[in-house]
């Protein structure tokens, strides 16, 4: 049979282990990395047909509209250089985002 001192030491060790286990806490939860922004429509590609009629509008406007509309429903999709330097693309992007956000 164990001596009272051995039982006390075992109880102290068990208590210390329980306290240390409680201090460990849950493992750190890492936030998922944000999804990369989708690529904008390339300059030389016709964008997908929108739900509204954009016939007669220049290609940069239609491309901007497609990127703006996609930005309203998901991650921002924008060609920043074109947005800054191409008025048709910028106006199309703004119109696309505004109109698609209303849906």
PDB file of N, CA and C in Angstrom:
ATOM      1  N   UNK A   1       0.856  -1.169   0.000  1.00  0.00           N
ATOM      2  CA  UNK A   1       0.000   0.000   0.000  1.00  0.00           C
ATOM      3  C   UNK A   1       0.894   1.221   0.000  1.00  0.00           C
ATOM      4  N   UNK A   2       0.410   2.318  -0.590  1.00  0.00           N
ATOM      5  CA  UNK A   2       1.198   3.540  -0.660  1.00  0.00           C
ATOM      6  C   UNK A   2       1.115   4.293   0.653  1.00  0.00           C
ATOM      7  N   UNK A   3       2.170   4.990   0.947  1.00  0.00           N
ATOM      8  CA  UNK A   3       2.193   5.777   2.183  1.00  0.00           C
ATOM      9  C   UNK A   3       1.349   7.035   1.994  1.00  0.00           C
ATOM     10  N   UNK A   4       0.917   7.645   3.075  1.00  0.00           N
ATOM     11  CA  UNK A   4       0.122   8.876   2.975  1.00  0.00           C
ATOM     12  C   UNK A   4       0.891   9.975   2.228  1.00  0.00           C
ATOM     13  N   UNK A   5       2.201  10.024   2.394  1.00  0.00           N
ATOM     14  CA  UNK A   5       3.014  11.030   1.714  1.00  0.00           C
ATOM     15  C   UNK A   5       3.003  10.796   0.201  1.00  0.00           C
ATOM     16  N   UNK A   6       3.079   9.557  -0.229  1.00  0.00           N
ATOM     17  CA  UNK A   6       3.065   9.229  -1.647  1.00  0.00           C
ATOM     18  C   UNK A   6       1.703   9.561  -2.256  1.00  0.00           C
ATOM     19  N   UNK A   7       0.616   9.281  -1.535  1.00  0.00           N
ATOM     20  CA  UNK A   7      -0.726   9.618  -2.020  1.00  0.00           C
ATOM     21  C   UNK A   7      -0.902  11.126  -2.117  1.00  0.00           C
ATOM     22  N   UNK A   8      -0.361  11.867  -1.145  1.00  0.00           N
ATOM     23  CA  UNK A   8      -0.467  13.331  -1.166  1.00  0.00           C
ATOM     24  C   UNK A   8       0.317  13.883  -2.349  1.00  0.00           C
ATOM     25  N   UNK A   9       1.545  13.364  -2.585  1.00  0.00           N
ATOM     26  CA  UNK A   9       2.360  13.833  -3.710  1.00  0.00           C
ATOM     27  C   UNK A   9       1.657  13.541  -5.047  1.00  0.00           C
ATOM     28  N   UNK A  10       1.028  12.355  -5.134  1.00  0.00           N
ATOM     29  CA  UNK A  10       0.311  12.009  -6.352  1.00  0.00           C
ATOM     30  C   UNK A  10      -0.880  12.955  -6.562  1.00  0.00           C
ATOM     31  N   UNK A  11      -1.567  13.305  -5.492  1.00  0.00           N
ATOM     32  CA  UNK A  11      -2.700  14.229  -5.587  1.00  0.00           C
ATOM     33  C   UNK A  11      -2.242  15.619  -5.999  1.00  0.00           C
ATOM     34  N   UNK A  12      -1.095  16.076  -5.450  1.00  0.00           N
ATOM     35  CA  UNK A  12      -0.555  17.389  -5.796  1.00  0.00           C
ATOM     36  C   UNK A  12      -0.148  17.405  -7.274  1.00  0.00           C
ATOM     37  N   UNK A  13       0.485  16.329  -7.727  1.00  0.00           N
ATOM     38  CA  UNK A  13       0.881  16.247  -9.132  1.00  0.00           C
ATOM     39  C   UNK A  13      -0.348  16.235 -10.051  1.00  0.00           C
ATOM     40  N   UNK A  14      -1.388  15.523  -9.673  1.00  0.00           N
ATOM     41  CA  UNK A  14      -2.608  15.465 -10.482  1.00  0.00           C
ATOM     42  C   UNK A  14      -3.270  16.843 -10.543  1.00  0.00           C
ATOM     43  N   UNK A  15      -3.293  17.540  -9.410  1.00  0.00           N
ATOM     44  CA  UNK A  15      -3.869  18.883  -9.366  1.00  0.00           C
ATOM     45  C   UNK A  15      -3.057  19.844 -10.228  1.00  0.00           C
ATOM     46  N   UNK A  16      -1.729  19.764 -10.136  1.00  0.00           N
ATOM     47  CA  UNK A  16      -0.865  20.629 -10.934  1.00  0.00           C
ATOM     48  C   UNK A  16      -1.058  20.350 -12.427  1.00  0.00           C
ATOM     49  N   UNK A  17      -1.184  19.096 -12.799  1.00  0.00           N
ATOM     50  CA  UNK A  17      -1.396  18.743 -14.203  1.00  0.00           C
ATOM     51  C   UNK A  17      -2.732  19.286 -14.692  1.00  0.00           C
ATOM     52  N   UNK A  18      -3.761  19.191 -13.856  1.00  0.00           N
ATOM     53  CA  UNK A  18      -5.083  19.690 -14.238  1.00  0.00           C
ATOM     54  C   UNK A  18      -5.054  21.210 -14.408  1.00  0.00           C
ATOM     55  N   UNK A  19      -4.359  21.896 -13.527  1.00  0.00           N
ATOM     56  CA  UNK A  19      -4.256  23.356 -13.634  1.00  0.00           C
ATOM     57  C   UNK A  19      -3.494  23.769 -14.887  1.00  0.00           C
ATOM     58  N   UNK A  20      -2.410  23.081 -15.152  1.00  0.00           N
ATOM     59  CA  UNK A  20      -1.633  23.406 -16.348  1.00  0.00           C
ATOM     60  C   UNK A  20      -2.425  23.114 -17.615  1.00  0.00           C
ATOM     61  N   UNK A  21      -3.191  22.062 -17.623  1.00  0.00           N
ATOM     62  CA  UNK A  21      -4.000  21.737 -18.796  1.00  0.00           C
ATOM     63  C   UNK A  21      -5.053  22.816 -19.020  1.00  0.00           C
ATOM     64  N   UNK A  22      -5.592  23.359 -17.945  1.00  0.00           N
ATOM     65  CA  UNK A  22      -6.585  24.430 -18.062  1.00  0.00           C
ATOM     66  C   UNK A  22      -5.976  25.715 -18.579  1.00  0.00           C
ATOM     67  N   UNK A  23      -4.701  25.950 -18.313  1.00  0.00           N
ATOM     68  CA  UNK A  23      -4.037  27.172 -18.762  1.00  0.00           C
ATOM     69  C   UNK A  23      -3.714  27.134 -20.249  1.00  0.00           C
ATOM     70  N   UNK A  24      -3.627  25.951 -20.789  1.00  0.00           N
ATOM     71  CA  UNK A  24      -3.254  25.845 -22.198  1.00  0.00           C
ATOM     72  C   UNK A  24      -4.311  26.500 -23.085  1.00  0.00           C
ATOM     73  N   UNK A  25      -5.577  26.417 -22.719  1.00  0.00           N
ATOM     74  CA  UNK A  25      -6.648  27.039 -23.482  1.00  0.00           C
ATOM     75  C   UNK A  25      -6.800  26.390 -24.851  1.00  0.00           C
ATOM     76  N   UNK A  26      -7.777  26.847 -25.591  1.00  0.00           N
ATOM     77  CA  UNK A  26      -7.981  26.274 -26.929  1.00  0.00           C
ATOM     78  C   UNK A  26      -6.865  26.716 -27.866  1.00  0.00           C
ATOM     79  N   UNK A  27      -6.643  25.928 -28.867  1.00  0.00           N
ATOM     80  CA  UNK A  27      -5.627  26.266 -29.858  1.00  0.00           C
ATOM     81  C   UNK A  27      -6.052  27.543 -30.577  1.00  0.00           C
ATOM     82  N   UNK A  28      -5.081  28.334 -30.953  1.00  0.00           N
ATOM     83  CA  UNK A  28      -5.374  29.570 -31.661  1.00  0.00           C
ATOM     84  C   UNK A  28      -6.058  29.251 -32.989  1.00  0.00           C
ATOM     85  N   UNK A  29      -7.119  29.964 -33.270  1.00  0.00           N
ATOM     86  CA  UNK A  29      -7.853  29.757 -34.512  1.00  0.00           C
ATOM     87  C   UNK A  29      -7.381  30.815 -35.493  1.00  0.00           C
ATOM     88  N   UNK A  30      -6.860  30.348 -36.612  1.00  0.00           N
ATOM     89  CA  UNK A  30      -6.379  31.279 -37.616  1.00  0.00           C
ATOM     90  C   UNK A  30      -7.516  31.664 -38.545  1.00  0.00           C
ATOM     91  N   UNK A  31      -7.585  32.947 -38.844  1.00  0.00           N
ATOM     92  CA  UNK A  31      -8.599  33.411 -39.788  1.00  0.00           C
ATOM     93  C   UNK A  31      -8.222  32.926 -41.178  1.00  0.00           C
ATOM     94  N   UNK A  32      -9.202  32.515 -41.945  1.00  0.00           N
ATOM     95  CA  UNK A  32      -8.869  32.070 -43.306  1.00  0.00           C
ATOM     96  C   UNK A  32      -8.364  33.243 -44.129  1.00  0.00           C
ATOM     97  N   UNK A  33      -7.472  32.938 -45.047  1.00  0.00           N
ATOM     98  CA  UNK A  33      -6.963  33.987 -45.923  1.00  0.00           C
ATOM     99  C   UNK A  33      -8.081  34.427 -46.849  1.00  0.00           C
ATOM    100  N   UNK A  34      -8.193  35.743 -47.092  1.00  0.00           N
ATOM    101  CA  UNK A  34      -9.242  36.183 -48.001  1.00  0.00           C
ATOM    102  C   UNK A  34      -8.991  35.664 -49.410  1.00  0.00           C
ATOM    103  N   UNK A  35     -10.057  35.406 -50.095  1.00  0.00           N
ATOM    104  CA  UNK A  35      -9.932  34.915 -51.469  1.00  0.00           C
ATOM    105  C   UNK A  35      -9.341  36.021 -52.335  1.00  0.00           C
ATOM    106  N   UNK A  36      -8.485  35.663 -53.259  1.00  0.00           N
ATOM    107  CA  UNK A  36      -7.924  36.696 -54.127  1.00  0.00           C
ATOM    108  C   UNK A  36      -9.026  37.325 -54.973  1.00  0.00           C
ATOM    109  N   UNK A  37      -8.853  38.606 -55.266  1.00  0.00           N
ATOM    110  CA  UNK A  37      -9.843  39.306 -56.083  1.00  0.00           C
ATOM    111  C   UNK A  37      -9.873  38.682 -57.473  1.00  0.00           C
ATOM    112  N   UNK A  38     -11.064  38.496 -58.027  1.00  0.00           N
ATOM    113  CA  UNK A  38     -11.138  37.925 -59.368  1.00  0.00           C
ATOM    114  C   UNK A  38     -10.498  38.879 -60.379  1.00  0.00           C
ATOM    115  N   UNK A  39      -9.949  38.325 -61.419  1.00  0.00           N
ATOM    116  CA  UNK A  39      -9.275  39.121 -62.442  1.00  0.00           C
ATOM    117  C   UNK A  39     -10.304  39.914 -63.248  1.00  0.00           C
ATOM    118  N   UNK A  40      -9.986  41.175 -63.569  1.00  0.00           N
ATOM    119  CA  UNK A  40     -10.900  41.953 -64.403  1.00  0.00           C
ATOM    120  C   UNK A  40     -10.931  41.422 -65.830  1.00  0.00           C
ATOM    121  N   UNK A  41     -11.935  41.845 -66.569  1.00  0.00           N
ATOM    122  CA  UNK A  41     -12.060  41.446 -67.973  1.00  0.00           C
ATOM    123  C   UNK A  41     -10.879  42.042 -68.745  1.00  0.00           C
ATOM    124  N   UNK A  42     -10.122  41.231 -69.489  1.00  0.00           N
ATOM    125  CA  UNK A  42      -9.000  41.757 -70.262  1.00  0.00           C
ATOM    126  C   UNK A  42      -9.473  42.754 -71.328  1.00  0.00           C
ATOM    127  N   UNK A  43      -8.578  43.646 -71.723  1.00  0.00           N
ATOM    128  CA  UNK A  43      -8.915  44.714 -72.673  1.00  0.00           C
ATOM    129  C   UNK A  43      -9.428  44.204 -74.015  1.00  0.00           C
ATOM    130  N   UNK A  44      -8.970  43.055 -74.450  1.00  0.00           N
ATOM    131  CA  UNK A  44      -9.316  42.591 -75.799  1.00  0.00           C
ATOM    132  C   UNK A  44     -10.390  41.499 -75.799  1.00  0.00           C
ATOM    133  N   UNK A  45     -11.119  41.339 -74.710  1.00  0.00           N
ATOM    134  CA  UNK A  45     -12.115  40.269 -74.600  1.00  0.00           C
ATOM    135  C   UNK A  45     -13.503  40.876 -74.404  1.00  0.00           C
ATOM    136  N   UNK A  46     -14.441  40.352 -75.149  1.00  0.00           N
ATOM    137  CA  UNK A  46     -15.829  40.785 -74.978  1.00  0.00           C
ATOM    138  C   UNK A  46     -16.347  40.211 -73.658  1.00  0.00           C
ATOM    139  N   UNK A  47     -16.931  41.045 -72.796  1.00  0.00           N
ATOM    140  CA  UNK A  47     -17.429  40.529 -71.509  1.00  0.00           C
ATOM    141  C   UNK A  47     -18.687  39.690 -71.705  1.00  0.00           C
ATOM    142  N   UNK A  48     -19.093  38.942 -70.695  1.00  0.00           N
ATOM    143  CA  UNK A  48     -20.346  38.178 -70.790  1.00  0.00           C
ATOM    144  C   UNK A  48     -21.524  39.126 -71.021  1.00  0.00           C
ATOM    145  N   UNK A  49     -22.529  38.646 -71.689  1.00  0.00           N
ATOM    146  CA  UNK A  49     -23.714  39.450 -71.990  1.00  0.00           C
ATOM    147  C   UNK A  49     -24.426  39.809 -70.684  1.00  0.00           C
ATOM    148  N   UNK A  50     -24.632  41.115 -70.415  1.00  0.00           N
ATOM    149  CA  UNK A  50     -25.351  41.499 -69.190  1.00  0.00           C
ATOM    150  C   UNK A  50     -26.857  41.303 -69.355  1.00  0.00           C
ATOM    151  N   UNK A  51     -27.576  41.486 -68.270  1.00  0.00           N
ATOM    152  CA  UNK A  51     -29.029  41.320 -68.322  1.00  0.00           C
ATOM    153  C   UNK A  51     -29.715  42.529 -68.946  1.00  0.00           C
ATOM    154  N   UNK A  52     -28.976  43.637 -69.114  1.00  0.00           N
ATOM    155  CA  UNK A  52     -29.542  44.805 -69.786  1.00  0.00           C
ATOM    156  C   UNK A  52     -28.855  44.977 -71.136  1.00  0.00           C
ATOM    157  N   UNK A  53     -29.484  45.720 -72.024  1.00  0.00           N
ATOM    158  CA  UNK A  53     -28.954  45.916 -73.366  1.00  0.00           C
ATOM    159  C   UNK A  53     -27.875  47.000 -73.353  1.00  0.00           C
ATOM    160  N   UNK A  54     -26.646  46.602 -73.651  1.00  0.00           N
ATOM    161  CA  UNK A  54     -25.547  47.559 -73.747  1.00  0.00           C
ATOM    162  C   UNK A  54     -25.050  47.691 -75.186  1.00  0.00           C
ATOM    163  N   UNK A  55     -25.867  47.261 -76.154  1.00  0.00           N
ATOM    164  CA  UNK A  55     -25.489  47.425 -77.559  1.00  0.00           C
ATOM    165  C   UNK A  55     -25.301  48.916 -77.834  1.00  0.00           C
ATOM    166  N   UNK A  56     -24.259  49.246 -78.578  1.00  0.00           N
ATOM    167  CA  UNK A  56     -23.981  50.637 -78.903  1.00  0.00           C
ATOM    168  C   UNK A  56     -23.018  51.293 -77.938  1.00  0.00           C
ATOM    169  N   UNK A  57     -22.788  50.683 -76.783  1.00  0.00           N
ATOM    170  CA  UNK A  57     -21.809  51.229 -75.848  1.00  0.00           C
ATOM    171  C   UNK A  57     -20.424  50.725 -76.247  1.00  0.00           C
ATOM    172  N   UNK A  58     -19.389  51.535 -76.029  1.00  0.00           N
ATOM    173  CA  UNK A  58     -18.038  51.091 -76.397  1.00  0.00           C
ATOM    174  C   UNK A  58     -17.581  49.896 -75.559  1.00  0.00           C
ATOM    175  N   UNK A  59     -16.665  49.112 -76.124  1.00  0.00           N
ATOM    176  CA  UNK A  59     -16.145  47.921 -75.438  1.00  0.00           C
ATOM    177  C   UNK A  59     -15.613  48.241 -74.040  1.00  0.00           C
ATOM    178  N   UNK A  60     -14.817  49.311 -73.842  1.00  0.00           N
ATOM    179  CA  UNK A  60     -14.328  49.580 -72.482  1.00  0.00           C
ATOM    180  C   UNK A  60     -15.459  49.805 -71.473  1.00  0.00           C
ATOM    181  N   UNK A  61     -16.551  50.434 -71.916  1.00  0.00           N
ATOM    182  CA  UNK A  61     -17.692  50.631 -71.024  1.00  0.00           C
ATOM    183  C   UNK A  61     -18.297  49.283 -70.646  1.00  0.00           C
ATOM    184  N   UNK A  62     -18.515  48.415 -71.644  1.00  0.00           N
ATOM    185  CA  UNK A  62     -19.107  47.097 -71.375  1.00  0.00           C
ATOM    186  C   UNK A  62     -18.222  46.264 -70.461  1.00  0.00           C
ATOM    187  N   UNK A  63     -16.898  46.355 -70.649  1.00  0.00           N
ATOM    188  CA  UNK A  63     -15.965  45.632 -69.779  1.00  0.00           C
ATOM    189  C   UNK A  63     -16.024  46.185 -68.351  1.00  0.00           C
ATOM    190  N   UNK A  64     -16.048  47.498 -68.240  1.00  0.00           N
ATOM    191  CA  UNK A  64     -16.173  48.119 -66.917  1.00  0.00           C
ATOM    192  C   UNK A  64     -17.481  47.747 -66.244  1.00  0.00           C
ATOM    193  N   UNK A  65     -18.563  47.720 -67.037  1.00  0.00           N
ATOM    194  CA  UNK A  65     -19.865  47.334 -66.501  1.00  0.00           C
ATOM    195  C   UNK A  65     -19.804  45.912 -65.941  1.00  0.00           C
ATOM    196  N   UNK A  66     -19.199  45.003 -66.695  1.00  0.00           N
ATOM    197  CA  UNK A  66     -19.100  43.604 -66.247  1.00  0.00           C
ATOM    198  C   UNK A  66     -18.288  43.510 -64.955  1.00  0.00           C
ATOM    199  N   UNK A  67     -17.175  44.232 -64.874  1.00  0.00           N
ATOM    200  CA  UNK A  67     -16.355  44.192 -63.657  1.00  0.00           C
ATOM    201  C   UNK A  67     -17.088  44.828 -62.481  1.00  0.00           C
ATOM    202  N   UNK A  68     -17.768  45.944 -62.716  1.00  0.00           N
ATOM    203  CA  UNK A  68     -18.518  46.601 -61.642  1.00  0.00           C
ATOM    204  C   UNK A  68     -19.660  45.748 -61.139  1.00  0.00           C
ATOM    205  N   UNK A  69     -20.363  45.102 -62.060  1.00  0.00           N
ATOM    206  CA  UNK A  69     -21.476  44.232 -61.672  1.00  0.00           C
ATOM    207  C   UNK A  69     -20.959  43.050 -60.848  1.00  0.00           C
ATOM    208  N   UNK A  70     -19.845  42.474 -61.284  1.00  0.00           N
ATOM    209  CA  UNK A  70     -19.254  41.362 -60.521  1.00  0.00           C
ATOM    210  C   UNK A  70     -18.810  41.840 -59.144  1.00  0.00           C
ATOM    211  N   UNK A  71     -18.365  43.075 -59.041  1.00  0.00           N
ATOM    212  CA  UNK A  71     -17.924  43.623 -57.754  1.00  0.00           C
ATOM    213  C   UNK A  71     -19.086  43.820 -56.796  1.00  0.00           C
ATOM    214  N   UNK A  72     -20.268  44.061 -57.330  1.00  0.00           N
ATOM    215  CA  UNK A  72     -21.445  44.275 -56.477  1.00  0.00           C
ATOM    216  C   UNK A  72     -21.902  42.989 -55.819  1.00  0.00           C
ATOM    217  N   UNK A  73     -21.578  41.858 -56.428  1.00  0.00           N
ATOM    218  CA  UNK A  73     -22.078  40.584 -55.901  1.00  0.00           C
ATOM    219  C   UNK A  73     -20.978  39.691 -55.341  1.00  0.00           C
ATOM    220  N   UNK A  74     -19.741  40.148 -55.361  1.00  0.00           N
ATOM    221  CA  UNK A  74     -18.628  39.334 -54.852  1.00  0.00           C
ATOM    222  C   UNK A  74     -17.468  40.227 -54.471  1.00  0.00           C
ATOM    223  N   UNK A  75     -16.272  39.696 -54.566  1.00  0.00           N
ATOM    224  CA  UNK A  75     -15.084  40.476 -54.280  1.00  0.00           C
ATOM    225  C   UNK A  75     -14.889  41.537 -55.358  1.00  0.00           C
ATOM    226  N   UNK A  76     -14.239  42.627 -54.995  1.00  0.00           N
ATOM    227  CA  UNK A  76     -14.062  43.708 -55.960  1.00  0.00           C
ATOM    228  C   UNK A  76     -13.222  43.257 -57.136  1.00  0.00           C
ATOM    229  N   UNK A  77     -13.751  43.498 -58.319  1.00  0.00           N
ATOM    230  CA  UNK A  77     -13.060  43.159 -59.560  1.00  0.00           C
ATOM    231  C   UNK A  77     -12.912  44.454 -60.342  1.00  0.00           C
ATOM    232  N   UNK A  78     -11.679  44.939 -60.414  1.00  0.00           N
ATOM    233  CA  UNK A  78     -11.437  46.222 -61.062  1.00  0.00           C
ATOM    234  C   UNK A  78     -10.020  46.270 -61.596  1.00  0.00           C
ATOM    235  N   UNK A  79      -9.858  46.821 -62.793  1.00  0.00           N
ATOM    236  CA  UNK A  79      -8.549  47.124 -63.354  1.00  0.00           C
ATOM    237  C   UNK A  79      -8.252  48.557 -62.925  1.00  0.00           C
ATOM    238  N   UNK A  80      -7.462  48.718 -61.865  1.00  0.00           N
ATOM    239  CA  UNK A  80      -7.235  50.037 -61.274  1.00  0.00           C
ATOM    240  C   UNK A  80      -6.619  51.029 -62.251  1.00  0.00           C
ATOM    241  N   UNK A  81      -5.695  50.558 -63.088  1.00  0.00           N
ATOM    242  CA  UNK A  81      -5.066  51.460 -64.053  1.00  0.00           C
ATOM    243  C   UNK A  81      -6.094  51.955 -65.061  1.00  0.00           C
ATOM    244  N   UNK A  82      -6.936  51.067 -65.553  1.00  0.00           N
ATOM    245  CA  UNK A  82      -7.980  51.483 -66.498  1.00  0.00           C
ATOM    246  C   UNK A  82      -9.012  52.362 -65.809  1.00  0.00           C
ATOM    247  N   UNK A  83      -9.359  52.048 -64.579  1.00  0.00           N
ATOM    248  CA  UNK A  83     -10.332  52.851 -63.836  1.00  0.00           C
ATOM    249  C   UNK A  83      -9.837  54.291 -63.710  1.00  0.00           C
ATOM    250  N   UNK A  84      -8.528  54.451 -63.460  1.00  0.00           N
ATOM    251  CA  UNK A  84      -7.955  55.788 -63.297  1.00  0.00           C
ATOM    252  C   UNK A  84      -7.807  56.533 -64.621  1.00  0.00           C
ATOM    253  N   UNK A  85      -7.545  55.805 -65.718  1.00  0.00           N
ATOM    254  CA  UNK A  85      -7.214  56.479 -66.962  1.00  0.00           C
ATOM    255  C   UNK A  85      -8.208  56.363 -68.097  1.00  0.00           C
ATOM    256  N   UNK A  86      -9.241  55.553 -67.961  1.00  0.00           N
ATOM    257  CA  UNK A  86     -10.188  55.337 -69.055  1.00  0.00           C
ATOM    258  C   UNK A  86     -11.593  55.674 -68.563  1.00  0.00           C
ATOM    259  N   UNK A  87     -12.110  56.798 -69.031  1.00  0.00           N
ATOM    260  CA  UNK A  87     -13.420  57.263 -68.584  1.00  0.00           C
ATOM    261  C   UNK A  87     -14.547  56.305 -68.914  1.00  0.00           C
ATOM    262  N   UNK A  88     -14.473  55.655 -70.078  1.00  0.00           N
ATOM    263  CA  UNK A  88     -15.523  54.691 -70.442  1.00  0.00           C
ATOM    264  C   UNK A  88     -15.527  53.503 -69.487  1.00  0.00           C
ATOM    265  N   UNK A  89     -14.342  52.973 -69.198  1.00  0.00           N
ATOM    266  CA  UNK A  89     -14.253  51.839 -68.267  1.00  0.00           C
ATOM    267  C   UNK A  89     -14.762  52.256 -66.886  1.00  0.00           C
ATOM    268  N   UNK A  90     -14.305  53.423 -66.419  1.00  0.00           N
ATOM    269  CA  UNK A  90     -14.691  53.903 -65.082  1.00  0.00           C
ATOM    270  C   UNK A  90     -16.202  54.096 -64.989  1.00  0.00           C
ATOM    271  N   UNK A  91     -16.795  54.750 -65.982  1.00  0.00           N
ATOM    272  CA  UNK A  91     -18.244  54.983 -65.959  1.00  0.00           C
ATOM    273  C   UNK A  91     -19.005  53.663 -66.022  1.00  0.00           C
ATOM    274  N   UNK A  92     -18.543  52.753 -66.875  1.00  0.00           N
ATOM    275  CA  UNK A  92     -19.182  51.435 -66.953  1.00  0.00           C
ATOM    276  C   UNK A  92     -19.085  50.685 -65.636  1.00  0.00           C
ATOM    277  N   UNK A  93     -17.915  50.756 -64.995  1.00  0.00           N
ATOM    278  CA  UNK A  93     -17.715  50.069 -63.721  1.00  0.00           C
ATOM    279  C   UNK A  93     -18.669  50.628 -62.660  1.00  0.00           C
ATOM    280  N   UNK A  94     -18.736  51.958 -62.592  1.00  0.00           N
ATOM    281  CA  UNK A  94     -19.615  52.592 -61.596  1.00  0.00           C
ATOM    282  C   UNK A  94     -21.082  52.263 -61.869  1.00  0.00           C
ATOM    283  N   UNK A  95     -21.473  52.318 -63.144  1.00  0.00           N
ATOM    284  CA  UNK A  95     -22.859  51.983 -63.482  1.00  0.00           C
ATOM    285  C   UNK A  95     -23.166  50.512 -63.178  1.00  0.00           C
ATOM    286  N   UNK A  96     -22.250  49.629 -63.556  1.00  0.00           N
ATOM    287  CA  UNK A  96     -22.458  48.210 -63.310  1.00  0.00           C
ATOM    288  C   UNK A  96     -22.581  47.892 -61.834  1.00  0.00           C
ATOM    289  N   UNK A  97     -21.723  48.492 -61.039  1.00  0.00           N
ATOM    290  CA  UNK A  97     -21.788  48.229 -59.590  1.00  0.00           C
ATOM    291  C   UNK A  97     -23.083  48.768 -59.002  1.00  0.00           C
ATOM    292  N   UNK A  98     -23.461  49.973 -59.400  1.00  0.00           N
ATOM    293  CA  UNK A  98     -24.678  50.578 -58.854  1.00  0.00           C
ATOM    294  C   UNK A  98     -25.924  49.793 -59.257  1.00  0.00           C
ATOM    295  N   UNK A  99     -26.038  49.438 -60.529  1.00  0.00           N
ATOM    296  CA  UNK A  99     -27.242  48.752 -60.988  1.00  0.00           C
ATOM    297  C   UNK A  99     -27.341  47.326 -60.459  1.00  0.00           C
ATOM    298  N   UNK A 100     -26.219  46.623 -60.416  1.00  0.00           N
ATOM    299  CA  UNK A 100     -26.252  45.237 -59.941  1.00  0.00           C
ATOM    300  C   UNK A 100     -26.400  45.158 -58.430  1.00  0.00           C
ATOM    301  N   UNK A 101     -26.011  46.191 -57.710  1.00  0.00           N
ATOM    302  CA  UNK A 101     -26.183  46.192 -56.252  1.00  0.00           C
ATOM    303  C   UNK A 101     -27.658  46.327 -55.876  1.00  0.00           C
ATOM    304  N   UNK A 102     -28.463  46.910 -56.746  1.00  0.00           N
ATOM    305  CA  UNK A 102     -29.898  47.091 -56.482  1.00  0.00           C
ATOM    306  C   UNK A 102     -30.695  45.805 -56.608  1.00  0.00           C
ATOM    307  N   UNK A 103     -30.154  44.830 -57.316  1.00  0.00           N
ATOM    308  CA  UNK A 103     -30.892  43.580 -57.573  1.00  0.00           C
ATOM    309  C   UNK A 103     -31.010  42.744 -56.344  1.00  0.00           C
TER     310      UNK A 103
END
